[in-house]
């Protein structure tokens, strides 16, 4: 099997995951897209490990070992990330990334920051 097939599939998976990270608003879908990108990297690691093991006599299978470490780190990352998203959803009532960013900046009612500052100045005066 040629190296081009898994490399092209890995590039397509990675681009799909990158699009999901950049275009999605839901935090859970962003986490799923990150997992898709990590799986594309895993596919690349294993494909290049198999390709290099055909050319070298003494193989260490370092690509497969790195893939196992990546899978373990990805499992921990998705566990912690999902716990954080669920905690934020319970507190704020939404998992929309744009709304979470807006509430972190201090204007929770949806008004632009300059109008919110004007309202606070008028209330104190």
PDB file of N, CA and C in Angstrom:
ATOM      1  N   UNK A   1       0.832  -1.176   0.000  1.00  0.00           N
ATOM      2  CA  UNK A   1       0.000   0.000   0.000  1.00  0.00           C
ATOM      3  C   UNK A   1       0.882   1.246   0.000  1.00  0.00           C
ATOM      4  N   UNK A   2       0.501   2.205  -0.790  1.00  0.00           N
ATOM      5  CA  UNK A   2       1.275   3.433  -0.896  1.00  0.00           C
ATOM      6  C   UNK A   2       1.065   4.310   0.329  1.00  0.00           C
ATOM      7  N   UNK A   3       2.050   5.132   0.592  1.00  0.00           N
ATOM      8  CA  UNK A   3       1.966   6.053   1.719  1.00  0.00           C
ATOM      9  C   UNK A   3       0.994   7.197   1.434  1.00  0.00           C
ATOM     10  N   UNK A   4       0.700   7.440   0.170  1.00  0.00           N
ATOM     11  CA  UNK A   4      -0.152   8.575  -0.187  1.00  0.00           C
ATOM     12  C   UNK A   4      -1.586   8.397   0.303  1.00  0.00           C
ATOM     13  N   UNK A   5      -2.097   7.183   0.309  1.00  0.00           N
ATOM     14  CA  UNK A   5      -3.494   6.968   0.715  1.00  0.00           C
ATOM     15  C   UNK A   5      -3.768   7.371   2.164  1.00  0.00           C
ATOM     16  N   UNK A   6      -3.011   6.841   3.136  1.00  0.00           N
ATOM     17  CA  UNK A   6      -3.277   7.295   4.503  1.00  0.00           C
ATOM     18  C   UNK A   6      -2.905   8.756   4.727  1.00  0.00           C
ATOM     19  N   UNK A   7      -1.926   9.273   4.002  1.00  0.00           N
ATOM     20  CA  UNK A   7      -1.554  10.679   4.156  1.00  0.00           C
ATOM     21  C   UNK A   7      -2.666  11.600   3.665  1.00  0.00           C
ATOM     22  N   UNK A   8      -3.296  11.251   2.547  1.00  0.00           N
ATOM     23  CA  UNK A   8      -4.406  12.065   2.035  1.00  0.00           C
ATOM     24  C   UNK A   8      -5.609  11.962   2.962  1.00  0.00           C
ATOM     25  N   UNK A   9      -5.907  10.746   3.438  1.00  0.00           N
ATOM     26  CA  UNK A   9      -7.013  10.580   4.379  1.00  0.00           C
ATOM     27  C   UNK A   9      -6.759  11.359   5.664  1.00  0.00           C
ATOM     28  N   UNK A  10      -5.524  11.328   6.146  1.00  0.00           N
ATOM     29  CA  UNK A  10      -5.178  12.076   7.340  1.00  0.00           C
ATOM     30  C   UNK A  10      -5.312  13.574   7.117  1.00  0.00           C
ATOM     31  N   UNK A  11      -4.908  14.061   5.960  1.00  0.00           N
ATOM     32  CA  UNK A  11      -5.047  15.489   5.660  1.00  0.00           C
ATOM     33  C   UNK A  11      -6.519  15.889   5.589  1.00  0.00           C
ATOM     34  N   UNK A  12      -7.353  15.036   4.998  1.00  0.00           N
ATOM     35  CA  UNK A  12      -8.790  15.336   4.937  1.00  0.00           C
ATOM     36  C   UNK A  12      -9.417  15.353   6.329  1.00  0.00           C
ATOM     37  N   UNK A  13      -9.048  14.380   7.168  1.00  0.00           N
ATOM     38  CA  UNK A  13      -9.561  14.357   8.540  1.00  0.00           C
ATOM     39  C   UNK A  13      -9.114  15.586   9.322  1.00  0.00           C
ATOM     40  N   UNK A  14      -7.855  15.964   9.142  1.00  0.00           N
ATOM     41  CA  UNK A  14      -7.345  17.115   9.863  1.00  0.00           C
ATOM     42  C   UNK A  14      -8.033  18.399   9.405  1.00  0.00           C
ATOM     43  N   UNK A  15      -8.245  18.547   8.108  1.00  0.00           N
ATOM     44  CA  UNK A  15      -8.928  19.741   7.595  1.00  0.00           C
ATOM     45  C   UNK A  15     -10.383  19.789   8.060  1.00  0.00           C
ATOM     46  N   UNK A  16     -11.038  18.638   8.122  1.00  0.00           N
ATOM     47  CA  UNK A  16     -12.408  18.595   8.631  1.00  0.00           C
ATOM     48  C   UNK A  16     -12.447  19.006  10.100  1.00  0.00           C
ATOM     49  N   UNK A  17     -11.504  18.514  10.888  1.00  0.00           N
ATOM     50  CA  UNK A  17     -11.425  18.903  12.286  1.00  0.00           C
ATOM     51  C   UNK A  17     -11.099  20.377  12.465  1.00  0.00           C
ATOM     52  N   UNK A  18     -10.220  20.901  11.629  1.00  0.00           N
ATOM     53  CA  UNK A  18      -9.872  22.316  11.702  1.00  0.00           C
ATOM     54  C   UNK A  18     -11.073  23.196  11.359  1.00  0.00           C
ATOM     55  N   UNK A  19     -11.837  22.792  10.356  1.00  0.00           N
ATOM     56  CA  UNK A  19     -13.054  23.521  10.021  1.00  0.00           C
ATOM     57  C   UNK A  19     -14.042  23.488  11.188  1.00  0.00           C
ATOM     58  N   UNK A  20     -14.157  22.342  11.833  1.00  0.00           N
ATOM     59  CA  UNK A  20     -15.058  22.224  12.973  1.00  0.00           C
ATOM     60  C   UNK A  20     -14.646  23.114  14.132  1.00  0.00           C
ATOM     61  N   UNK A  21     -13.341  23.238  14.372  1.00  0.00           N
ATOM     62  CA  UNK A  21     -12.868  24.101  15.454  1.00  0.00           C
ATOM     63  C   UNK A  21     -13.130  25.567  15.139  1.00  0.00           C
ATOM     64  N   UNK A  22     -12.909  25.950  13.891  1.00  0.00           N
ATOM     65  CA  UNK A  22     -13.047  27.360  13.523  1.00  0.00           C
ATOM     66  C   UNK A  22     -14.484  27.791  13.304  1.00  0.00           C
ATOM     67  N   UNK A  23     -15.366  26.888  12.889  1.00  0.00           N
ATOM     68  CA  UNK A  23     -16.718  27.287  12.489  1.00  0.00           C
ATOM     69  C   UNK A  23     -17.780  27.006  13.537  1.00  0.00           C
ATOM     70  N   UNK A  24     -17.552  26.102  14.442  1.00  0.00           N
ATOM     71  CA  UNK A  24     -18.597  25.712  15.382  1.00  0.00           C
ATOM     72  C   UNK A  24     -18.656  26.654  16.570  1.00  0.00           C
ATOM     73  N   UNK A  25     -19.851  26.775  17.135  1.00  0.00           N
ATOM     74  CA  UNK A  25     -20.063  27.616  18.305  1.00  0.00           C
ATOM     75  C   UNK A  25     -20.246  26.793  19.575  1.00  0.00           C
ATOM     76  N   UNK A  26     -20.632  25.547  19.440  1.00  0.00           N
ATOM     77  CA  UNK A  26     -20.889  24.695  20.591  1.00  0.00           C
ATOM     78  C   UNK A  26     -19.564  24.107  21.085  1.00  0.00           C
ATOM     79  N   UNK A  27     -19.339  24.170  22.393  1.00  0.00           N
ATOM     80  CA  UNK A  27     -18.064  23.721  22.950  1.00  0.00           C
ATOM     81  C   UNK A  27     -17.870  22.219  22.793  1.00  0.00           C
ATOM     82  N   UNK A  28     -18.939  21.453  22.862  1.00  0.00           N
ATOM     83  CA  UNK A  28     -18.816  20.000  22.713  1.00  0.00           C
ATOM     84  C   UNK A  28     -18.417  19.642  21.285  1.00  0.00           C
ATOM     85  N   UNK A  29     -18.962  20.340  20.300  1.00  0.00           N
ATOM     86  CA  UNK A  29     -18.572  20.086  18.917  1.00  0.00           C
ATOM     87  C   UNK A  29     -17.132  20.501  18.653  1.00  0.00           C
ATOM     88  N   UNK A  30     -16.671  21.531  19.332  1.00  0.00           N
ATOM     89  CA  UNK A  30     -15.268  21.927  19.203  1.00  0.00           C
ATOM     90  C   UNK A  30     -14.367  20.841  19.774  1.00  0.00           C
ATOM     91  N   UNK A  31     -14.747  20.264  20.917  1.00  0.00           N
ATOM     92  CA  UNK A  31     -13.962  19.169  21.482  1.00  0.00           C
ATOM     93  C   UNK A  31     -13.944  17.951  20.559  1.00  0.00           C
ATOM     94  N   UNK A  32     -15.074  17.669  19.935  1.00  0.00           N
ATOM     95  CA  UNK A  32     -15.115  16.552  18.984  1.00  0.00           C
ATOM     96  C   UNK A  32     -14.222  16.821  17.778  1.00  0.00           C
ATOM     97  N   UNK A  33     -14.157  18.060  17.340  1.00  0.00           N
ATOM     98  CA  UNK A  33     -13.297  18.411  16.205  1.00  0.00           C
ATOM     99  C   UNK A  33     -11.823  18.294  16.580  1.00  0.00           C
ATOM    100  N   UNK A  34     -11.482  18.652  17.802  1.00  0.00           N
ATOM    101  CA  UNK A  34     -10.098  18.489  18.264  1.00  0.00           C
ATOM    102  C   UNK A  34      -9.727  17.004  18.290  1.00  0.00           C
ATOM    103  N   UNK A  35     -10.660  16.169  18.719  1.00  0.00           N
ATOM    104  CA  UNK A  35     -10.414  14.719  18.716  1.00  0.00           C
ATOM    105  C   UNK A  35     -10.213  14.202  17.291  1.00  0.00           C
ATOM    106  N   UNK A  36     -10.960  14.737  16.351  1.00  0.00           N
ATOM    107  CA  UNK A  36     -10.797  14.345  14.952  1.00  0.00           C
ATOM    108  C   UNK A  36      -9.414  14.723  14.443  1.00  0.00           C
ATOM    109  N   UNK A  37      -8.937  15.889  14.845  1.00  0.00           N
ATOM    110  CA  UNK A  37      -7.593  16.307  14.454  1.00  0.00           C
ATOM    111  C   UNK A  37      -6.524  15.404  15.081  1.00  0.00           C
ATOM    112  N   UNK A  38      -6.716  15.019  16.336  1.00  0.00           N
ATOM    113  CA  UNK A  38      -5.756  14.114  16.971  1.00  0.00           C
ATOM    114  C   UNK A  38      -5.756  12.738  16.314  1.00  0.00           C
ATOM    115  N   UNK A  39      -6.917  12.272  15.895  1.00  0.00           N
ATOM    116  CA  UNK A  39      -6.973  10.990  15.185  1.00  0.00           C
ATOM    117  C   UNK A  39      -6.287  11.062  13.837  1.00  0.00           C
ATOM    118  N   UNK A  40      -6.347  12.208  13.180  1.00  0.00           N
ATOM    119  CA  UNK A  40      -5.620  12.373  11.921  1.00  0.00           C
ATOM    120  C   UNK A  40      -4.114  12.297  12.146  1.00  0.00           C
ATOM    121  N   UNK A  41      -3.658  12.889  13.232  1.00  0.00           N
ATOM    122  CA  UNK A  41      -2.235  12.816  13.565  1.00  0.00           C
ATOM    123  C   UNK A  41      -1.844  11.375  13.896  1.00  0.00           C
ATOM    124  N   UNK A  42      -2.705  10.659  14.620  1.00  0.00           N
ATOM    125  CA  UNK A  42      -2.421   9.256  14.937  1.00  0.00           C
ATOM    126  C   UNK A  42      -2.308   8.409  13.681  1.00  0.00           C
ATOM    127  N   UNK A  43      -3.204   8.640  12.738  1.00  0.00           N
ATOM    128  CA  UNK A  43      -3.156   7.904  11.468  1.00  0.00           C
ATOM    129  C   UNK A  43      -1.855   8.184  10.735  1.00  0.00           C
ATOM    130  N   UNK A  44      -1.427   9.427  10.750  1.00  0.00           N
ATOM    131  CA  UNK A  44      -0.161   9.786  10.111  1.00  0.00           C
ATOM    132  C   UNK A  44       1.022   9.126  10.805  1.00  0.00           C
ATOM    133  N   UNK A  45       1.019   9.117  12.124  1.00  0.00           N
ATOM    134  CA  UNK A  45       2.121   8.487  12.861  1.00  0.00           C
ATOM    135  C   UNK A  45       2.241   7.000  12.543  1.00  0.00           C
ATOM    136  N   UNK A  46       1.128   6.305  12.530  1.00  0.00           N
ATOM    137  CA  UNK A  46       1.167   4.863  12.255  1.00  0.00           C
ATOM    138  C   UNK A  46       1.550   4.597  10.801  1.00  0.00           C
ATOM    139  N   UNK A  47       1.031   5.397   9.872  1.00  0.00           N
ATOM    140  CA  UNK A  47       1.348   5.188   8.456  1.00  0.00           C
ATOM    141  C   UNK A  47       2.832   5.407   8.190  1.00  0.00           C
ATOM    142  N   UNK A  48       3.396   6.459   8.750  1.00  0.00           N
ATOM    143  CA  UNK A  48       4.819   6.698   8.532  1.00  0.00           C
ATOM    144  C   UNK A  48       5.681   5.685   9.275  1.00  0.00           C
ATOM    145  N   UNK A  49       5.214   5.185  10.402  1.00  0.00           N
ATOM    146  CA  UNK A  49       5.960   4.147  11.109  1.00  0.00           C
ATOM    147  C   UNK A  49       6.013   2.867  10.288  1.00  0.00           C
ATOM    148  N   UNK A  50       4.895   2.490   9.697  1.00  0.00           N
ATOM    149  CA  UNK A  50       4.875   1.287   8.851  1.00  0.00           C
ATOM    150  C   UNK A  50       5.741   1.493   7.617  1.00  0.00           C
ATOM    151  N   UNK A  51       5.689   2.683   7.044  1.00  0.00           N
ATOM    152  CA  UNK A  51       6.471   2.968   5.845  1.00  0.00           C
ATOM    153  C   UNK A  51       7.965   2.958   6.153  1.00  0.00           C
ATOM    154  N   UNK A  52       8.350   3.519   7.298  1.00  0.00           N
ATOM    155  CA  UNK A  52       9.767   3.530   7.659  1.00  0.00           C
ATOM    156  C   UNK A  52      10.254   2.164   8.110  1.00  0.00           C
ATOM    157  N   UNK A  53       9.379   1.326   8.661  1.00  0.00           N
ATOM    158  CA  UNK A  53       9.806   0.006   9.111  1.00  0.00           C
ATOM    159  C   UNK A  53      10.101  -0.917   7.936  1.00  0.00           C
ATOM    160  N   UNK A  54       9.550  -0.611   6.772  1.00  0.00           N
ATOM    161  CA  UNK A  54       9.861  -1.409   5.585  1.00  0.00           C
ATOM    162  C   UNK A  54      11.253  -1.102   5.069  1.00  0.00           C
ATOM    163  N   UNK A  55      11.748   0.118   5.319  1.00  0.00           N
ATOM    164  CA  UNK A  55      13.057   0.499   4.807  1.00  0.00           C
ATOM    165  C   UNK A  55      14.181   0.196   5.789  1.00  0.00           C
ATOM    166  N   UNK A  56      13.907   0.160   7.072  1.00  0.00           N
ATOM    167  CA  UNK A  56      14.944  -0.085   8.076  1.00  0.00           C
ATOM    168  C   UNK A  56      14.818  -1.514   8.622  1.00  0.00           C
ATOM    169  N   UNK A  57      15.944  -2.096   8.936  1.00  0.00           N
ATOM    170  CA  UNK A  57      15.930  -3.455   9.458  1.00  0.00           C
ATOM    171  C   UNK A  57      15.596  -3.475  10.952  1.00  0.00           C
ATOM    172  N   UNK A  58      16.231  -2.621  11.716  1.00  0.00           N
ATOM    173  CA  UNK A  58      15.972  -2.560  13.160  1.00  0.00           C
ATOM    174  C   UNK A  58      14.912  -1.498  13.395  1.00  0.00           C
ATOM    175  N   UNK A  59      13.729  -1.964  13.711  1.00  0.00           N
ATOM    176  CA  UNK A  59      12.636  -1.015  13.910  1.00  0.00           C
ATOM    177  C   UNK A  59      12.284  -0.922  15.384  1.00  0.00           C
ATOM    178  N   UNK A  60      11.972   0.278  15.815  1.00  0.00           N
ATOM    179  CA  UNK A  60      11.571   0.511  17.193  1.00  0.00           C
ATOM    180  C   UNK A  60      10.068   0.738  17.309  1.00  0.00           C
ATOM    181  N   UNK A  61       9.400   0.918  16.185  1.00  0.00           N
ATOM    182  CA  UNK A  61       7.970   1.209  16.155  1.00  0.00           C
ATOM    183  C   UNK A  61       7.643   2.410  17.042  1.00  0.00           C
ATOM    184  N   UNK A  62       8.432   3.451  16.886  1.00  0.00           N
ATOM    185  CA  UNK A  62       8.228   4.638  17.710  1.00  0.00           C
ATOM    186  C   UNK A  62       6.945   5.368  17.329  1.00  0.00           C
ATOM    187  N   UNK A  63       6.502   5.273  16.083  1.00  0.00           N
ATOM    188  CA  UNK A  63       5.246   5.899  15.688  1.00  0.00           C
ATOM    189  C   UNK A  63       4.054   5.284  16.385  1.00  0.00           C
ATOM    190  N   UNK A  64       4.080   3.974  16.539  1.00  0.00           N
ATOM    191  CA  UNK A  64       2.977   3.301  17.227  1.00  0.00           C
ATOM    192  C   UNK A  64       3.001   3.605  18.727  1.00  0.00           C
ATOM    193  N   UNK A  65       4.190   3.724  19.302  1.00  0.00           N
ATOM    194  CA  UNK A  65       4.287   4.081  20.720  1.00  0.00           C
ATOM    195  C   UNK A  65       3.784   5.503  20.947  1.00  0.00           C
ATOM    196  N   UNK A  66       4.150   6.422  20.068  1.00  0.00           N
ATOM    197  CA  UNK A  66       3.656   7.793  20.174  1.00  0.00           C
ATOM    198  C   UNK A  66       2.146   7.852  19.997  1.00  0.00           C
ATOM    199  N   UNK A  67       1.607   6.993  19.151  1.00  0.00           N
ATOM    200  CA  UNK A  67       0.158   6.953  18.964  1.00  0.00           C
ATOM    201  C   UNK A  67      -0.546   6.513  20.236  1.00  0.00           C
ATOM    202  N   UNK A  68       0.020   5.535  20.934  1.00  0.00           N
ATOM    203  CA  UNK A  68      -0.580   5.110  22.199  1.00  0.00           C
ATOM    204  C   UNK A  68      -0.553   6.228  23.237  1.00  0.00           C
ATOM    205  N   UNK A  69       0.542   6.972  23.299  1.00  0.00           N
ATOM    206  CA  UNK A  69       0.604   8.105  24.214  1.00  0.00           C
ATOM    207  C   UNK A  69      -0.397   9.184  23.827  1.00  0.00           C
ATOM    208  N   UNK A  70      -0.549   9.426  22.540  1.00  0.00           N
ATOM    209  CA  UNK A  70      -1.502  10.432  22.074  1.00  0.00           C
ATOM    210  C   UNK A  70      -2.927  10.028  22.402  1.00  0.00           C
ATOM    211  N   UNK A  71      -3.244   8.757  22.256  1.00  0.00           N
ATOM    212  CA  UNK A  71      -4.590   8.286  22.594  1.00  0.00           C
ATOM    213  C   UNK A  71      -4.848   8.437  24.091  1.00  0.00           C
ATOM    214  N   UNK A  72      -3.852   8.140  24.910  1.00  0.00           N
ATOM    215  CA  UNK A  72      -4.027   8.289  26.355  1.00  0.00           C
ATOM    216  C   UNK A  72      -4.207   9.755  26.743  1.00  0.00           C
ATOM    217  N   UNK A  73      -3.429  10.634  26.164  1.00  0.00           N
ATOM    218  CA  UNK A  73      -3.562  12.062  26.451  1.00  0.00           C
ATOM    219  C   UNK A  73      -4.890  12.591  25.936  1.00  0.00           C
ATOM    220  N   UNK A  74      -5.336  12.123  24.775  1.00  0.00           N
ATOM    221  CA  UNK A  74      -6.622  12.564  24.233  1.00  0.00           C
ATOM    222  C   UNK A  74      -7.778  12.111  25.109  1.00  0.00           C
ATOM    223  N   UNK A  75      -7.681  10.919  25.678  1.00  0.00           N
ATOM    224  CA  UNK A  75      -8.739  10.447  26.570  1.00  0.00           C
ATOM    225  C   UNK A  75      -8.806  11.303  27.828  1.00  0.00           C
ATOM    226  N   UNK A  76      -7.661  11.652  28.380  1.00  0.00           N
ATOM    227  CA  UNK A  76      -7.645  12.524  29.554  1.00  0.00           C
ATOM    228  C   UNK A  76      -8.156  13.913  29.204  1.00  0.00           C
ATOM    229  N   UNK A  77      -7.778  14.406  28.042  1.00  0.00           N
ATOM    230  CA  UNK A  77      -8.201  15.745  27.617  1.00  0.00           C
ATOM    231  C   UNK A  77      -9.706  15.812  27.415  1.00  0.00           C
ATOM    232  N   UNK A  78     -10.285  14.795  26.809  1.00  0.00           N
ATOM    233  CA  UNK A  78     -11.723  14.831  26.567  1.00  0.00           C
ATOM    234  C   UNK A  78     -12.483  14.655  27.881  1.00  0.00           C
ATOM    235  N   UNK A  79     -11.952  13.911  28.805  1.00  0.00           N
ATOM    236  CA  UNK A  79     -12.606  13.763  30.106  1.00  0.00           C
ATOM    237  C   UNK A  79     -12.632  15.069  30.880  1.00  0.00           C
ATOM    238  N   UNK A  80     -11.498  15.737  30.947  1.00  0.00           N
ATOM    239  CA  UNK A  80     -11.423  17.014  31.657  1.00  0.00           C
ATOM    240  C   UNK A  80     -12.199  18.090  30.912  1.00  0.00           C
ATOM    241  N   UNK A  81     -12.065  18.122  29.593  1.00  0.00           N
ATOM    242  CA  UNK A  81     -12.775  19.127  28.803  1.00  0.00           C
ATOM    243  C   UNK A  81     -14.282  18.989  28.902  1.00  0.00           C
ATOM    244  N   UNK A  82     -14.775  17.774  28.858  1.00  0.00           N
ATOM    245  CA  UNK A  82     -16.214  17.557  28.977  1.00  0.00           C
ATOM    246  C   UNK A  82     -16.718  17.919  30.364  1.00  0.00           C
ATOM    247  N   UNK A  83     -15.927  17.638  31.388  1.00  0.00           N
ATOM    248  CA  UNK A  83     -16.315  18.027  32.741  1.00  0.00           C
ATOM    249  C   UNK A  83     -16.390  19.542  32.878  1.00  0.00           C
ATOM    250  N   UNK A  84     -15.449  20.248  32.285  1.00  0.00           N
ATOM    251  CA  UNK A  84     -15.470  21.712  32.326  1.00  0.00           C
ATOM    252  C   UNK A  84     -16.667  22.253  31.570  1.00  0.00           C
ATOM    253  N   UNK A  85     -16.940  21.707  30.399  1.00  0.00           N
ATOM    254  CA  UNK A  85     -18.086  22.176  29.606  1.00  0.00           C
ATOM    255  C   UNK A  85     -19.399  21.932  30.347  1.00  0.00           C
ATOM    256  N   UNK A  86     -19.538  20.773  30.973  1.00  0.00           N
ATOM    257  CA  UNK A  86     -20.761  20.490  31.724  1.00  0.00           C
ATOM    258  C   UNK A  86     -20.917  21.410  32.936  1.00  0.00           C
ATOM    259  N   UNK A  87     -19.814  21.711  33.604  1.00  0.00           N
ATOM    260  CA  UNK A  87     -19.878  22.630  34.742  1.00  0.00           C
ATOM    261  C   UNK A  87     -20.253  24.038  34.292  1.00  0.00           C
ATOM    262  N   UNK A  88     -19.702  24.484  33.175  1.00  0.00           N
ATOM    263  CA  UNK A  88     -20.040  25.807  32.647  1.00  0.00           C
ATOM    264  C   UNK A  88     -21.495  25.827  32.194  1.00  0.00           C
ATOM    265  N   UNK A  89     -21.971  24.752  31.593  1.00  0.00           N
ATOM    266  CA  UNK A  89     -23.367  24.694  31.150  1.00  0.00           C
ATOM    267  C   UNK A  89     -24.320  24.748  32.341  1.00  0.00           C
ATOM    268  N   UNK A  90     -23.961  24.085  33.418  1.00  0.00           N
ATOM    269  CA  UNK A  90     -24.824  24.129  34.614  1.00  0.00           C
ATOM    270  C   UNK A  90     -24.867  25.524  35.220  1.00  0.00           C
ATOM    271  N   UNK A  91     -23.737  26.227  35.212  1.00  0.00           N
ATOM    272  CA  UNK A  91     -23.690  27.560  35.816  1.00  0.00           C
ATOM    273  C   UNK A  91     -24.290  28.640  34.920  1.00  0.00           C
ATOM    274  N   UNK A  92     -23.992  28.598  33.632  1.00  0.00           N
ATOM    275  CA  UNK A  92     -24.402  29.665  32.729  1.00  0.00           C
ATOM    276  C   UNK A  92     -25.638  29.338  31.909  1.00  0.00           C
ATOM    277  N   UNK A  93     -25.951  28.067  31.736  1.00  0.00           N
ATOM    278  CA  UNK A  93     -27.122  27.679  30.960  1.00  0.00           C
ATOM    279  C   UNK A  93     -26.875  27.599  29.469  1.00  0.00           C
ATOM    280  N   UNK A  94     -25.644  27.751  29.026  1.00  0.00           N
ATOM    281  CA  UNK A  94     -25.333  27.652  27.606  1.00  0.00           C
ATOM    282  C   UNK A  94     -23.919  27.113  27.430  1.00  0.00           C
ATOM    283  N   UNK A  95     -23.689  26.496  26.279  1.00  0.00           N
ATOM    284  CA  UNK A  95     -22.339  26.067  25.938  1.00  0.00           C
ATOM    285  C   UNK A  95     -21.869  26.751  24.661  1.00  0.00           C
ATOM    286  N   UNK A  96     -22.527  27.862  24.314  1.00  0.00           N
ATOM    287  CA  UNK A  96     -22.145  28.658  23.151  1.00  0.00           C
ATOM    288  C   UNK A  96     -20.866  29.423  23.479  1.00  0.00           C
ATOM    289  N   UNK A  97     -19.844  29.243  22.681  1.00  0.00           N
ATOM    290  CA  UNK A  97     -18.536  29.811  22.977  1.00  0.00           C
ATOM    291  C   UNK A  97     -18.568  31.330  22.925  1.00  0.00           C
ATOM    292  N   UNK A  98     -19.302  31.919  21.988  1.00  0.00           N
ATOM    293  CA  UNK A  98     -19.369  33.375  21.899  1.00  0.00           C
ATOM    294  C   UNK A  98     -20.055  33.985  23.111  1.00  0.00           C
ATOM    295  N   UNK A  99     -21.113  33.375  23.576  1.00  0.00           N
ATOM    296  CA  UNK A  99     -21.803  33.886  24.766  1.00  0.00           C
ATOM    297  C   UNK A  99     -20.933  33.755  26.002  1.00  0.00           C
ATOM    298  N   UNK A 100     -20.171  32.690  26.108  1.00  0.00           N
ATOM    299  CA  UNK A 100     -19.297  32.519  27.264  1.00  0.00           C
ATOM    300  C   UNK A 100     -18.197  33.569  27.256  1.00  0.00           C
ATOM    301  N   UNK A 101     -17.703  33.912  26.081  1.00  0.00           N
ATOM    302  CA  UNK A 101     -16.678  34.935  25.982  1.00  0.00           C
ATOM    303  C   UNK A 101     -17.255  36.294  26.358  1.00  0.00           C
ATOM    304  N   UNK A 102     -18.505  36.563  25.947  1.00  0.00           N
ATOM    305  CA  UNK A 102     -19.145  37.838  26.273  1.00  0.00           C
ATOM    306  C   UNK A 102     -19.363  37.982  27.767  1.00  0.00           C
ATOM    307  N   UNK A 103     -19.780  36.908  28.427  1.00  0.00           N
ATOM    308  CA  UNK A 103     -20.019  37.010  29.864  1.00  0.00           C
ATOM    309  C   UNK A 103     -18.713  37.137  30.628  1.00  0.00           C
ATOM    310  N   UNK A 104     -17.637  36.633  30.076  1.00  0.00           N
ATOM    311  CA  UNK A 104     -16.350  36.769  30.746  1.00  0.00           C
ATOM    312  C   UNK A 104     -15.857  38.209  30.689  1.00  0.00           C
ATOM    313  N   UNK A 105     -16.266  38.962  29.686  1.00  0.00           N
ATOM    314  CA  UNK A 105     -15.827  40.347  29.554  1.00  0.00           C
ATOM    315  C   UNK A 105     -16.640  41.295  30.415  1.00  0.00           C
ATOM    316  N   UNK A 106     -17.749  40.844  30.977  1.00  0.00           N
ATOM    317  CA  UNK A 106     -18.461  41.649  31.923  1.00  0.00           C
ATOM    318  C   UNK A 106     -19.756  42.259  31.449  1.00  0.00           C
ATOM    319  N   UNK A 107     -20.157  42.098  30.208  1.00  0.00           N
ATOM    320  CA  UNK A 107     -21.436  42.647  29.754  1.00  0.00           C
ATOM    321  C   UNK A 107     -22.375  41.501  29.465  1.00  0.00           C
ATOM    322  N   UNK A 108     -23.005  41.027  30.520  1.00  0.00           N
ATOM    323  CA  UNK A 108     -23.830  39.830  30.460  1.00  0.00           C
ATOM    324  C   UNK A 108     -25.180  40.065  29.812  1.00  0.00           C
ATOM    325  N   UNK A 109     -25.670  41.313  29.815  1.00  0.00           N
ATOM    326  CA  UNK A 109     -27.011  41.562  29.312  1.00  0.00           C
ATOM    327  C   UNK A 109     -27.068  41.716  27.804  1.00  0.00           C
ATOM    328  N   UNK A 110     -25.969  41.636  27.120  1.00  0.00           N
ATOM    329  CA  UNK A 110     -25.968  41.690  25.667  1.00  0.00           C
ATOM    330  C   UNK A 110     -25.699  43.071  25.102  1.00  0.00           C
ATOM    331  N   UNK A 111     -25.559  44.089  25.942  1.00  0.00           N
ATOM    332  CA  UNK A 111     -25.261  45.427  25.440  1.00  0.00           C
ATOM    333  C   UNK A 111     -23.774  45.524  25.154  1.00  0.00           C
ATOM    334  N   UNK A 112     -23.410  46.346  24.190  1.00  0.00           N
ATOM    335  CA  UNK A 112     -21.984  46.522  23.908  1.00  0.00           C
ATOM    336  C   UNK A 112     -21.259  47.092  25.116  1.00  0.00           C
ATOM    337  N   UNK A 113     -19.959  46.874  25.225  1.00  0.00           N
ATOM    338  CA  UNK A 113     -19.213  47.295  26.421  1.00  0.00           C
ATOM    339  C   UNK A 113     -19.260  48.804  26.663  1.00  0.00           C
ATOM    340  N   UNK A 114     -19.237  49.631  25.601  1.00  0.00           N
ATOM    341  CA  UNK A 114     -19.242  51.072  25.829  1.00  0.00           C
ATOM    342  C   UNK A 114     -20.586  51.550  26.374  1.00  0.00           C
ATOM    343  N   UNK A 115     -21.694  50.954  25.920  1.00  0.00           N
ATOM    344  CA  UNK A 115     -22.999  51.319  26.451  1.00  0.00           C
ATOM    345  C   UNK A 115     -23.159  50.841  27.887  1.00  0.00           C
ATOM    346  N   UNK A 116     -22.627  49.672  28.206  1.00  0.00           N
ATOM    347  CA  UNK A 116     -22.706  49.167  29.569  1.00  0.00           C
ATOM    348  C   UNK A 116     -21.911  50.065  30.512  1.00  0.00           C
ATOM    349  N   UNK A 117     -20.765  50.573  30.055  1.00  0.00           N
ATOM    350  CA  UNK A 117     -19.978  51.478  30.893  1.00  0.00           C
ATOM    351  C   UNK A 117     -20.714  52.799  31.097  1.00  0.00           C
ATOM    352  N   UNK A 118     -21.392  53.301  30.040  1.00  0.00           N
ATOM    353  CA  UNK A 118     -22.174  54.534  30.167  1.00  0.00           C
ATOM    354  C   UNK A 118     -23.315  54.361  31.151  1.00  0.00           C
ATOM    355  N   UNK A 119     -23.998  53.203  31.106  1.00  0.00           N
ATOM    356  CA  UNK A 119     -25.099  52.947  32.024  1.00  0.00           C
ATOM    357  C   UNK A 119     -24.612  52.877  33.463  1.00  0.00           C
ATOM    358  N   UNK A 120     -23.443  52.278  33.685  1.00  0.00           N
ATOM    359  CA  UNK A 120     -22.909  52.189  35.035  1.00  0.00           C
ATOM    360  C   UNK A 120     -22.508  53.580  35.538  1.00  0.00           C
ATOM    361  N   UNK A 121     -21.968  54.408  34.644  1.00  0.00           N
ATOM    362  CA  UNK A 121     -21.557  55.759  35.043  1.00  0.00           C
ATOM    363  C   UNK A 121     -22.789  56.597  35.399  1.00  0.00           C
ATOM    364  N   UNK A 122     -23.878  56.439  34.634  1.00  0.00           N
ATOM    365  CA  UNK A 122     -25.098  57.177  34.923  1.00  0.00           C
ATOM    366  C   UNK A 122     -25.733  56.707  36.224  1.00  0.00           C
ATOM    367  N   UNK A 123     -25.642  55.424  36.509  1.00  0.00           N
ATOM    368  CA  UNK A 123     -26.246  54.880  37.723  1.00  0.00           C
ATOM    369  C   UNK A 123     -25.505  55.363  38.967  1.00  0.00           C
ATOM    370  N   UNK A 124     -24.192  55.528  38.891  1.00  0.00           N
ATOM    371  CA  UNK A 124     -23.430  55.986  40.040  1.00  0.00           C
ATOM    372  C   UNK A 124     -23.511  57.493  40.228  1.00  0.00           C
ATOM    373  N   UNK A 125     -23.826  58.240  39.161  1.00  0.00           N
ATOM    374  CA  UNK A 125     -23.865  59.710  39.252  1.00  0.00           C
ATOM    375  C   UNK A 125     -25.117  60.246  39.883  1.00  0.00           C
TER     376      UNK A 125
END
